[in-house]
Amino acid sequence: MKKICAFLSIIILLLMPGANNPVFAEKILEDNVNLIITYNNDTIDNNVKDLIKNSGGQVVSDIPELGASEIRCSPELIEKIRSYQTVKNVSPNPIIKLQKIKMISFKELNKIDQVKGDLFNQYQWDIKNVTNNGKSFNLQSGNHNVVVGIIDTGVDKDHPDLKGNFLGGKNIVPKNFENDLTETGDPNDVEDKSGHGTHVAGTIAGNGRIMGVAPNIGFKSYRIFNKSNDTTGYILATAIVQAVKDKVNVINLSIGGYVIKGKCILTDSKTKKSYKLNDDAEEYSLYKKAIRYAVKNGVTVVASAGNEALDCSNSQNILNYVNNGVKDQGLTYIGNGIEIPGDIKGVITVSASRKDNTIASYSNYGQGVIDISAPGGEMKNITDPNEVYSMCLSSYRDNSYLFMQGTSMAAPKVSALAALTICKYGNIPPKEVAKKIYKSAEKVNTYNSNNYFGHGLVNAYNLLNK
């Protein structure tokens, strides 16, 4: 998944106009920029919202749980908004794109006898590694009293290997988002338009030709990407809050992010005038705030480390990467980069390993960033057709199956184990869930292994057999 660029500080709840609300400006000004406001004491100031609307801007939505608003306004209004004592911060809300992940489909998958577990037995080395060849299924396979919230591209809810464990969810993508007219704003539209979320769901809760780590666990899908694989940090934060309100036990984020502790400069593409947007990303990160909200409410959060092969303990590496990704949006960050959510207390951050239990060449790493590792697969030699079997097979859209590789494939294995931990030990706090996962991990005896594997390689059988 493409790393989420810096301090995305905000969230949502639709503005309900009341009798005392002023009349909207007749015309929304062109060339408005998308921004996020966070407020002191998590209390939204209606006076600030009135200023924005009466100045030709738009208040898109609020997230009262996080004391934040998404707005569109002229860059010239930024300093006036910042002058309000109730305003904690004004931050950019850049578009985030789902990173391309290597994927391969072979017609031979459909030639195999279509019986329960046939693809698991033939190809799913990764699930076998985590479950000791399926032995953990006999110890604990999950139930629908424990639910994993998958925040991703949606799901093929009618896939034969998933429909028995699908428990609903919600579409978070706004109507006409990024001029995508296929987005109607229907909250029930969780249909997967790219296949990524369906692959993740199969890794967690597949039960059919393929098997997940927790083949009887319940899951809900929260769609945050449109058909072009666009989203924002604000949409992501909204999904996290919604999943917590829906009483999920575990959240899977096969998405990562970065925060820049320092400054952000927005340069108007027409006037070339620059505006200072942020002073302290660490304090005002909406993404970070949303995850803390989840952990505080007893939800275990698991996130992929990312596929940029970055040493995320090196702040300059992150700063350079972020600036390269947002320069076309007129943004420049100055300061120290940190990986998010890896730096947030209570989040389990997962790197990707290969079939031979070495670290995948694409996986992010870093001392104090990686908590644990899980199979993400890697096709090391693209000229060898047999290398596809070193990738991870799971469910895909349109009732099909696909090989993929990435930390996106590693994180859901840990999310599934977190859910199985709760099934076994009850609704214990996220900190205790993480401890049990770490303690049961297989140690990797290589030089500097903590940089790459954290506590080791995840193992469901070890945990459930105790």
Protein backbone atom coordinates (compact mmCIF):
# COMPACT_ATOMS: atom_id res chain seq x y z
CA MET A 1 0.00 0.00 0.00
CA LYS A 2 1.26 3.43 -0.70
CA LYS A 3 2.34 5.11 2.50
CA ILE A 4 0.02 7.74 3.74
CA CYS A 5 1.72 11.11 3.60
CA ALA A 6 2.14 13.03 6.80
CA PHE A 7 -0.13 14.34 9.48
CA LEU A 8 -3.55 13.66 8.02
CA SER A 9 -5.39 15.37 10.87
CA ILE A 10 -9.19 14.90 10.64
CA ILE A 11 -12.56 13.00 10.49
CA ILE A 12 -16.30 13.03 9.64
CA LEU A 13 -19.93 13.35 10.49
CA LEU A 14 -22.21 15.01 7.97
CA LEU A 15 -23.13 18.59 8.75
CA MET A 16 -26.81 18.78 9.51
CA PRO A 17 -27.98 22.36 8.82
CA GLY A 18 -30.20 23.76 11.53
CA ALA A 19 -32.45 26.75 11.91
CA ASN A 20 -29.66 28.89 13.34
CA ASN A 21 -27.14 28.09 10.63
CA PRO A 22 -26.35 30.99 8.26
CA VAL A 23 -27.20 30.74 4.58
CA PHE A 24 -24.47 29.17 2.45
CA ALA A 25 -22.59 31.46 0.11
CA GLU A 26 -24.34 31.31 -3.22
CA LYS A 27 -21.26 30.19 -5.10
CA ILE A 28 -18.45 27.92 -4.00
CA LEU A 29 -15.25 29.57 -5.19
CA GLU A 30 -13.12 27.80 -7.77
CA ASP A 31 -9.53 26.75 -7.02
CA ASN A 32 -10.36 25.92 -3.42
CA VAL A 33 -7.96 23.49 -1.72
CA ASN A 34 -8.88 20.49 0.40
CA LEU A 35 -7.86 20.87 4.04
CA ILE A 36 -8.45 19.44 7.48
CA ILE A 37 -9.06 21.47 10.63
CA THR A 38 -8.56 20.07 14.12
CA TYR A 39 -9.89 21.92 17.14
CA ASN A 40 -8.76 22.40 20.72
CA ASN A 41 -10.48 20.23 23.31
CA ASP A 42 -11.92 18.15 20.44
CA THR A 43 -14.76 20.68 20.16
CA ILE A 44 -15.75 21.91 16.71
CA ASP A 45 -16.24 25.70 16.51
CA ASN A 46 -19.30 26.62 14.45
CA ASN A 47 -17.99 30.19 14.11
CA VAL A 48 -15.05 28.87 12.08
CA LYS A 49 -17.42 26.85 9.91
CA ASP A 50 -19.55 29.95 9.31
CA LEU A 51 -16.45 31.90 8.26
CA ILE A 52 -15.55 29.24 5.72
CA LYS A 53 -19.03 29.00 4.20
CA ASN A 54 -19.54 32.75 4.04
CA SER A 55 -16.15 33.17 2.35
CA GLY A 56 -17.03 30.92 -0.57
CA GLY A 57 -15.65 27.77 0.98
CA GLN A 58 -17.32 24.52 1.96
CA VAL A 59 -17.44 22.42 5.12
CA VAL A 60 -17.47 18.92 3.68
CA SER A 61 -18.00 17.01 6.94
CA ASP A 62 -17.17 16.81 10.64
CA ILE A 63 -15.88 14.06 12.90
CA PRO A 64 -17.00 15.03 16.39
CA GLU A 65 -15.25 12.03 18.00
CA LEU A 66 -11.92 13.51 16.91
CA GLY A 67 -12.84 17.20 16.92
CA ALA A 68 -12.09 17.64 13.23
CA SER A 69 -13.57 18.96 10.00
CA GLU A 70 -12.82 18.51 6.33
CA ILE A 71 -13.10 21.76 4.39
CA ARG A 72 -12.51 23.28 0.97
CA CYS A 73 -11.50 26.92 0.86
CA SER A 74 -9.23 29.47 -0.79
CA PRO A 75 -5.58 29.24 0.36
CA GLU A 76 -5.89 32.91 1.31
CA LEU A 77 -8.33 31.96 4.07
CA ILE A 78 -5.85 29.70 5.87
CA GLU A 79 -4.24 32.35 8.06
CA LYS A 80 -7.63 33.72 9.13
CA ILE A 81 -8.77 30.24 10.15
CA ARG A 82 -5.53 29.70 12.07
CA SER A 83 -6.10 32.93 13.99
CA TYR A 84 -9.07 31.43 15.90
CA GLN A 85 -8.02 30.33 19.38
CA THR A 86 -10.29 27.30 19.05
CA VAL A 87 -8.34 26.01 16.05
CA LYS A 88 -5.51 23.64 16.86
CA ASN A 89 -4.26 23.08 13.35
CA VAL A 90 -4.93 23.39 9.61
CA SER A 91 -3.47 20.50 7.61
CA PRO A 92 -3.46 19.32 3.99
CA ASN A 93 -5.63 16.39 2.92
CA PRO A 94 -3.73 14.99 -0.07
CA ILE A 95 -5.08 12.25 -2.31
CA ILE A 96 -3.55 8.87 -1.53
CA LYS A 97 -3.35 6.16 -4.17
CA LEU A 98 -3.23 2.44 -3.54
CA GLN A 99 0.24 1.28 -4.43
CA LYS A 100 0.49 -1.22 -7.26
CA ILE A 101 1.13 -4.71 -5.95
CA LYS A 102 2.58 -7.49 -8.04
CA MET A 103 -0.19 -9.94 -8.92
CA ILE A 104 -0.48 -12.93 -11.25
CA SER A 105 -3.44 -15.10 -12.23
CA PHE A 106 -3.19 -18.51 -13.90
CA LYS A 107 -6.04 -20.28 -15.67
CA GLU A 108 -4.77 -23.54 -14.22
CA LEU A 109 -6.35 -22.57 -10.90
CA ASN A 110 -9.71 -23.33 -12.46
CA LYS A 111 -8.56 -26.69 -13.82
CA ILE A 112 -7.97 -28.14 -10.38
CA ASP A 113 -10.79 -30.16 -8.84
CA GLN A 114 -13.02 -27.56 -7.27
CA VAL A 115 -13.37 -29.11 -3.85
CA LYS A 116 -12.93 -27.70 -0.38
CA GLY A 117 -9.31 -26.97 0.38
CA ASP A 118 -7.89 -27.97 -3.00
CA LEU A 119 -6.12 -24.64 -3.57
CA PHE A 120 -5.07 -24.52 0.07
CA ASN A 121 -3.42 -27.91 -0.22
CA GLN A 122 -1.78 -27.09 -3.54
CA TYR A 123 -0.60 -23.49 -3.25
CA GLN A 124 -1.11 -21.75 0.11
CA TRP A 125 2.35 -22.28 1.59
CA ASP A 126 1.96 -19.00 3.49
CA ILE A 127 -1.19 -20.05 5.38
CA LYS A 128 0.37 -23.47 6.01
CA ASN A 129 3.45 -21.81 7.51
CA VAL A 130 1.34 -19.77 9.93
CA THR A 131 -1.02 -22.61 10.88
CA ASN A 132 1.47 -25.52 10.89
CA ASN A 133 -0.15 -27.11 7.84
CA GLY A 134 -3.64 -26.37 9.12
CA LYS A 135 -3.16 -27.97 12.56
CA SER A 136 -4.20 -24.74 14.29
CA PHE A 137 -7.66 -25.03 12.68
CA ASN A 138 -8.37 -27.92 15.07
CA LEU A 139 -7.45 -25.76 18.07
CA GLN A 140 -9.37 -22.58 17.13
CA SER A 141 -10.80 -21.46 13.80
CA GLY A 142 -12.84 -18.47 14.98
CA ASN A 143 -16.51 -17.56 15.33
CA HIS A 144 -18.83 -14.68 14.51
CA ASN A 145 -18.79 -13.28 18.04
CA VAL A 146 -15.36 -11.90 17.22
CA VAL A 147 -15.18 -9.59 14.19
CA VAL A 148 -12.32 -8.25 12.09
CA GLY A 149 -12.89 -4.88 10.41
CA ILE A 150 -11.09 -4.79 7.05
CA ILE A 151 -10.47 -1.20 5.93
CA ASP A 152 -9.55 -1.55 2.28
CA THR A 153 -10.93 -1.53 -1.29
CA GLY A 154 -14.13 -3.38 -0.33
CA VAL A 155 -14.94 -7.06 -0.80
CA ASP A 156 -16.56 -9.49 -3.20
CA LYS A 157 -19.24 -10.33 -0.64
CA ASP A 158 -20.66 -13.12 -2.81
CA HIS A 159 -17.36 -14.95 -3.23
CA PRO A 160 -18.08 -18.59 -2.31
CA ASP A 161 -15.06 -18.70 0.02
CA LEU A 162 -16.07 -15.51 1.88
CA LYS A 163 -19.83 -15.10 1.95
CA GLY A 164 -20.29 -17.37 4.95
CA ASN A 165 -18.17 -15.09 7.15
CA PHE A 166 -19.17 -11.71 5.70
CA LEU A 167 -21.09 -9.68 8.31
CA GLY A 168 -21.64 -6.40 6.45
CA GLY A 169 -19.74 -3.15 6.61
CA LYS A 170 -19.92 0.33 5.12
CA ASN A 171 -18.78 2.40 2.16
CA ILE A 172 -16.95 5.51 3.36
CA VAL A 173 -16.16 6.99 -0.08
CA PRO A 174 -18.15 10.24 -0.61
CA LYS A 175 -20.44 10.81 -3.56
CA ASN A 176 -18.57 11.80 -6.76
CA PHE A 177 -15.23 11.53 -4.94
CA GLU A 178 -12.42 12.71 -7.24
CA ASN A 179 -15.01 13.27 -9.98
CA ASP A 180 -15.80 9.56 -10.00
CA LEU A 181 -19.46 9.57 -11.03
CA THR A 182 -19.81 5.87 -10.20
CA GLU A 183 -19.52 6.84 -6.54
CA THR A 184 -23.09 7.44 -5.39
CA GLY A 185 -22.37 7.76 -1.69
CA ASP A 186 -24.40 4.61 -1.00
CA PRO A 187 -23.19 3.41 2.44
CA ASN A 188 -24.00 -0.19 1.50
CA ASP A 189 -21.80 -0.21 -1.61
CA VAL A 190 -18.80 -2.19 -0.36
CA GLU A 191 -18.26 -4.02 -3.64
CA ASP A 192 -14.55 -4.42 -4.37
CA LYS A 193 -13.48 -2.56 -7.51
CA SER A 194 -9.83 -3.61 -7.52
CA GLY A 195 -9.66 -6.98 -5.75
CA HIS A 196 -7.14 -6.03 -3.06
CA GLY A 197 -9.63 -6.07 -0.18
CA THR A 198 -11.05 -9.40 -1.31
CA HIS A 199 -7.55 -10.90 -1.27
CA VAL A 200 -7.02 -9.58 2.27
CA ALA A 201 -10.39 -10.96 3.39
CA GLY A 202 -9.53 -14.42 2.07
CA THR A 203 -6.24 -14.38 3.96
CA ILE A 204 -8.15 -13.72 7.17
CA ALA A 205 -11.41 -15.61 6.80
CA GLY A 206 -11.34 -17.68 3.61
CA ASN A 207 -13.18 -20.97 3.92
CA GLY A 208 -13.58 -22.97 0.72
CA ARG A 209 -11.06 -23.78 -1.98
CA ILE A 210 -8.66 -21.45 -0.19
CA MET A 211 -8.37 -21.16 3.59
CA GLY A 212 -7.64 -18.17 5.78
CA VAL A 213 -5.77 -18.22 9.08
CA ALA A 214 -9.15 -17.97 10.86
CA PRO A 215 -11.57 -19.79 8.51
CA ASN A 216 -14.65 -19.30 10.71
CA ILE A 217 -14.07 -15.75 11.93
CA GLY A 218 -16.56 -12.98 11.13
CA PHE A 219 -15.46 -9.90 9.20
CA LYS A 220 -16.83 -6.54 8.11
CA SER A 221 -15.64 -4.55 5.12
CA TYR A 222 -15.10 -0.77 5.10
CA ARG A 223 -14.45 0.53 1.59
CA ILE A 224 -12.25 3.63 1.43
CA PHE A 225 -11.00 3.54 -2.20
CA ASN A 226 -12.81 4.44 -5.42
CA LYS A 227 -12.35 2.55 -8.68
CA SER A 228 -9.17 4.52 -9.41
CA ASN A 229 -7.80 3.43 -6.02
CA ASP A 230 -7.91 6.97 -4.60
CA THR A 231 -8.62 7.87 -0.99
CA THR A 232 -7.57 10.42 1.66
CA GLY A 233 -6.37 10.25 5.23
CA TYR A 234 -9.64 11.83 6.29
CA ILE A 235 -11.63 8.99 4.71
CA LEU A 236 -9.35 6.45 6.36
CA ALA A 237 -9.75 8.05 9.78
CA THR A 238 -13.51 8.10 9.30
CA ALA A 239 -13.47 4.39 8.54
CA ILE A 240 -11.50 3.64 11.71
CA VAL A 241 -14.00 5.54 13.84
CA GLN A 242 -16.93 3.81 12.10
CA ALA A 243 -15.42 0.37 12.66
CA VAL A 244 -14.96 1.11 16.36
CA LYS A 245 -18.57 2.28 16.60
CA ASP A 246 -19.61 -0.98 14.91
CA LYS A 247 -17.94 -2.92 17.75
CA VAL A 248 -15.31 -4.75 15.72
CA ASN A 249 -12.60 -6.44 17.79
CA VAL A 250 -9.71 -6.11 15.35
CA ILE A 251 -8.96 -3.63 12.56
CA ASN A 252 -6.78 -4.64 9.61
CA LEU A 253 -5.01 -1.82 7.80
CA SER A 254 -3.10 -3.13 4.81
CA ILE A 255 -2.13 0.51 4.48
CA GLY A 256 0.71 2.36 6.13
CA GLY A 257 1.62 5.97 6.62
CA TYR A 258 4.24 8.55 7.46
CA VAL A 259 4.18 11.62 9.64
CA ILE A 260 6.51 14.60 9.30
CA LYS A 261 7.33 16.34 12.56
CA GLY A 262 8.00 19.86 11.39
CA LYS A 263 6.41 22.13 8.81
CA CYS A 264 4.35 21.82 5.67
CA ILE A 265 4.35 24.48 2.95
CA LEU A 266 1.52 24.72 0.42
CA THR A 267 2.39 26.60 -2.77
CA ASP A 268 -0.53 27.96 -4.80
CA SER A 269 -0.05 26.66 -8.35
CA LYS A 270 -1.36 29.90 -9.89
CA THR A 271 -0.06 32.69 -7.64
CA LYS A 272 3.06 30.80 -6.53
CA LYS A 273 2.40 32.22 -3.07
CA SER A 274 3.33 29.89 -0.21
CA TYR A 275 1.29 29.17 2.91
CA LYS A 276 2.48 27.54 6.11
CA LEU A 277 0.08 24.74 7.08
CA ASN A 278 1.57 22.94 10.04
CA ASP A 279 3.98 23.28 12.93
CA ASP A 280 3.84 19.93 14.70
CA ALA A 281 2.57 16.94 12.75
CA GLU A 282 3.21 14.59 15.65
CA GLU A 283 0.64 16.30 17.83
CA TYR A 284 -1.97 16.93 15.14
CA SER A 285 -2.03 13.78 13.06
CA LEU A 286 -5.63 12.82 12.49
CA TYR A 287 -4.61 9.36 11.38
CA LYS A 288 -2.71 8.88 14.62
CA LYS A 289 -5.57 10.26 16.65
CA ALA A 290 -8.05 7.89 15.02
CA ILE A 291 -5.92 4.85 15.78
CA ARG A 292 -5.50 5.93 19.37
CA TYR A 293 -9.28 6.24 19.53
CA ALA A 294 -9.56 2.62 18.40
CA VAL A 295 -6.99 1.27 20.85
CA LYS A 296 -8.54 3.24 23.71
CA ASN A 297 -11.84 1.54 22.92
CA GLY A 298 -10.30 -1.91 23.12
CA VAL A 299 -9.79 -2.57 19.41
CA THR A 300 -6.57 -4.28 18.31
CA VAL A 301 -5.11 -2.52 15.27
CA VAL A 302 -2.79 -4.32 12.84
CA ALA A 303 -1.05 -2.50 9.99
CA SER A 304 1.28 -3.39 7.14
CA ALA A 305 4.73 -1.82 7.23
CA GLY A 306 4.73 -0.81 3.55
CA ASN A 307 6.48 -1.89 0.36
CA GLU A 308 9.05 0.84 -0.21
CA ALA A 309 12.09 -1.07 1.17
CA LEU A 310 12.69 1.88 3.49
CA ASP A 311 14.54 1.82 6.77
CA CYS A 312 11.76 3.54 8.67
CA SER A 313 14.03 4.21 11.63
CA ASN A 314 15.82 6.73 9.37
CA SER A 315 13.77 9.95 9.38
CA GLN A 316 15.55 11.46 6.37
CA ASN A 317 14.61 8.47 4.21
CA ILE A 318 10.96 9.02 5.05
CA LEU A 319 11.12 12.79 4.51
CA ASN A 320 12.62 12.34 1.04
CA TYR A 321 10.05 9.70 0.11
CA VAL A 322 7.09 11.82 1.26
CA ASN A 323 8.26 14.97 -0.53
CA ASN A 324 8.77 13.06 -3.75
CA GLY A 325 5.20 11.75 -3.52
CA VAL A 326 3.43 15.08 -2.90
CA LYS A 327 5.44 17.56 -4.93
CA ASP A 328 2.82 17.52 -7.70
CA GLN A 329 0.21 18.62 -5.14
CA GLY A 330 2.16 21.77 -4.30
CA LEU A 331 3.26 20.46 -0.89
CA THR A 332 6.70 20.49 0.70
CA TYR A 333 7.50 19.04 4.11
CA ILE A 334 10.38 20.14 6.32
CA GLY A 335 11.38 18.17 9.41
CA ASN A 336 11.79 14.60 10.60
CA GLY A 337 9.85 11.71 9.10
CA ILE A 338 8.46 8.85 11.17
CA GLU A 339 6.51 5.75 10.18
CA ILE A 340 2.86 5.64 11.11
CA PRO A 341 1.15 3.70 12.61
CA GLY A 342 4.37 1.92 13.63
CA ASP A 343 5.19 4.65 16.13
CA ILE A 344 1.72 4.61 17.73
CA LYS A 345 1.48 2.74 21.00
CA GLY A 346 -0.70 -0.35 20.72
CA VAL A 347 -0.49 -0.87 16.94
CA ILE A 348 1.02 -4.10 15.62
CA THR A 349 3.17 -3.28 12.57
CA VAL A 350 3.97 -6.17 10.23
CA SER A 351 6.84 -6.72 7.78
CA ALA A 352 6.75 -9.31 5.00
CA SER A 353 8.79 -12.50 4.81
CA ARG A 354 9.47 -14.81 1.88
CA LYS A 355 8.87 -18.53 1.46
CA ASP A 356 12.35 -19.27 2.83
CA ASN A 357 11.63 -17.15 5.96
CA THR A 358 13.97 -14.33 4.89
CA ILE A 359 12.79 -10.72 4.68
CA ALA A 360 11.13 -9.71 1.39
CA SER A 361 13.27 -7.27 -0.60
CA TYR A 362 10.39 -4.78 -0.91
CA SER A 363 9.40 -4.80 2.79
CA ASN A 364 9.94 -1.75 4.96
CA TYR A 365 11.99 -2.39 8.08
CA GLY A 366 13.56 -0.59 11.01
CA GLN A 367 14.51 -1.00 14.65
CA GLY A 368 11.59 -0.07 16.88
CA VAL A 369 9.22 0.09 13.90
CA ILE A 370 8.57 -3.56 13.01
CA ASP A 371 6.74 -5.57 15.68
CA ILE A 372 6.42 -8.91 13.92
CA SER A 373 6.70 -10.51 10.48
CA ALA A 374 4.38 -12.72 8.43
CA PRO A 375 4.53 -14.29 4.97
CA GLY A 376 4.02 -11.71 2.23
CA GLY A 377 5.65 -13.71 -0.54
CA GLU A 378 8.01 -12.62 -3.28
CA MET A 379 8.54 -13.53 -6.90
CA LYS A 380 12.31 -12.99 -6.97
CA ASN A 381 12.96 -14.15 -10.54
CA ILE A 382 10.33 -12.87 -12.96
CA THR A 383 11.74 -15.02 -15.79
CA ASP A 384 10.98 -18.23 -13.90
CA PRO A 385 7.27 -19.12 -14.20
CA ASN A 386 7.50 -21.34 -11.12
CA GLU A 387 8.35 -18.29 -9.01
CA VAL A 388 4.67 -17.32 -8.97
CA TYR A 389 4.15 -20.05 -6.39
CA SER A 390 6.35 -18.06 -4.02
CA MET A 391 3.63 -15.40 -3.93
CA CYS A 392 0.48 -15.58 -1.80
CA LEU A 393 -2.71 -17.07 -3.20
CA SER A 394 -6.08 -15.88 -1.93
CA SER A 395 -9.57 -14.94 -3.09
CA TYR A 396 -10.09 -12.22 -5.68
CA ARG A 397 -13.04 -10.32 -7.15
CA ASP A 398 -15.55 -11.97 -9.49
CA ASN A 399 -15.39 -15.26 -7.57
CA SER A 400 -11.80 -15.87 -8.66
CA TYR A 401 -8.36 -16.40 -7.10
CA LEU A 402 -5.07 -14.57 -7.52
CA PHE A 403 -1.41 -14.62 -6.47
CA MET A 404 -0.19 -11.38 -4.82
CA GLN A 405 2.81 -10.26 -2.83
CA GLY A 406 3.32 -7.43 -0.35
CA THR A 407 3.13 -6.41 3.28
CA SER A 408 -0.59 -6.10 2.52
CA MET A 409 -0.62 -9.90 2.39
CA ALA A 410 1.36 -10.18 5.65
CA ALA A 411 -0.72 -7.95 7.92
CA PRO A 412 -4.04 -9.86 7.59
CA LYS A 413 -2.37 -13.04 8.84
CA VAL A 414 -1.58 -11.21 12.07
CA SER A 415 -5.09 -9.69 12.20
CA ALA A 416 -6.56 -13.17 11.93
CA LEU A 417 -4.35 -14.41 14.74
CA ALA A 418 -5.35 -11.41 16.88
CA ALA A 419 -8.99 -12.42 16.38
CA LEU A 420 -8.22 -16.04 17.28
CA THR A 421 -6.43 -14.81 20.40
CA ILE A 422 -9.61 -13.03 21.49
CA CYS A 423 -11.64 -16.16 20.73
CA LYS A 424 -9.34 -18.16 23.00
CA TYR A 425 -8.73 -15.72 25.86
CA GLY A 426 -11.78 -13.46 25.76
CA ASN A 427 -11.92 -9.76 24.94
CA ILE A 428 -8.55 -8.90 26.46
CA PRO A 429 -6.97 -5.45 25.89
CA PRO A 430 -5.01 -4.84 22.68
CA LYS A 431 -1.76 -4.72 24.63
CA GLU A 432 -2.36 -8.25 25.94
CA VAL A 433 -3.34 -9.52 22.49
CA ALA A 434 -0.06 -8.21 21.13
CA LYS A 435 1.97 -9.77 23.95
CA LYS A 436 0.54 -13.22 23.28
CA ILE A 437 1.24 -12.92 19.55
CA TYR A 438 4.82 -11.79 20.17
CA LYS A 439 5.52 -14.46 22.76
CA SER A 440 4.35 -17.24 20.43
CA ALA A 441 6.33 -16.01 17.41
CA GLU A 442 9.12 -18.10 15.93
CA LYS A 443 12.47 -16.44 16.55
CA VAL A 444 14.72 -15.61 13.60
CA ASN A 445 18.38 -16.15 14.43
CA THR A 446 20.02 -13.81 11.94
CA TYR A 447 22.14 -10.71 12.38
CA ASN A 448 20.11 -7.66 13.36
CA SER A 449 16.89 -9.69 13.01
CA ASN A 450 14.85 -7.24 15.13
CA ASN A 451 15.25 -4.66 12.36
CA TYR A 452 13.42 -6.89 9.93
CA PHE A 453 11.28 -9.34 11.91
CA GLY A 454 10.59 -7.62 15.23
CA HIS A 455 9.62 -10.38 17.68
CA GLY A 456 9.84 -13.01 14.93
CA LEU A 457 7.61 -14.88 12.50
CA VAL A 458 3.93 -15.14 13.44
CA ASN A 459 2.65 -18.62 14.29
CA ALA A 460 -0.99 -19.45 15.06
CA TYR A 461 -0.35 -23.02 16.19
CA ASN A 462 2.23 -21.95 18.79
CA LEU A 463 -0.20 -19.45 20.30
CA LEU A 464 -3.29 -21.64 20.30
CA ASN A 465 -1.48 -24.75 21.52
CA LYS A 466 -0.59 -23.13 24.85
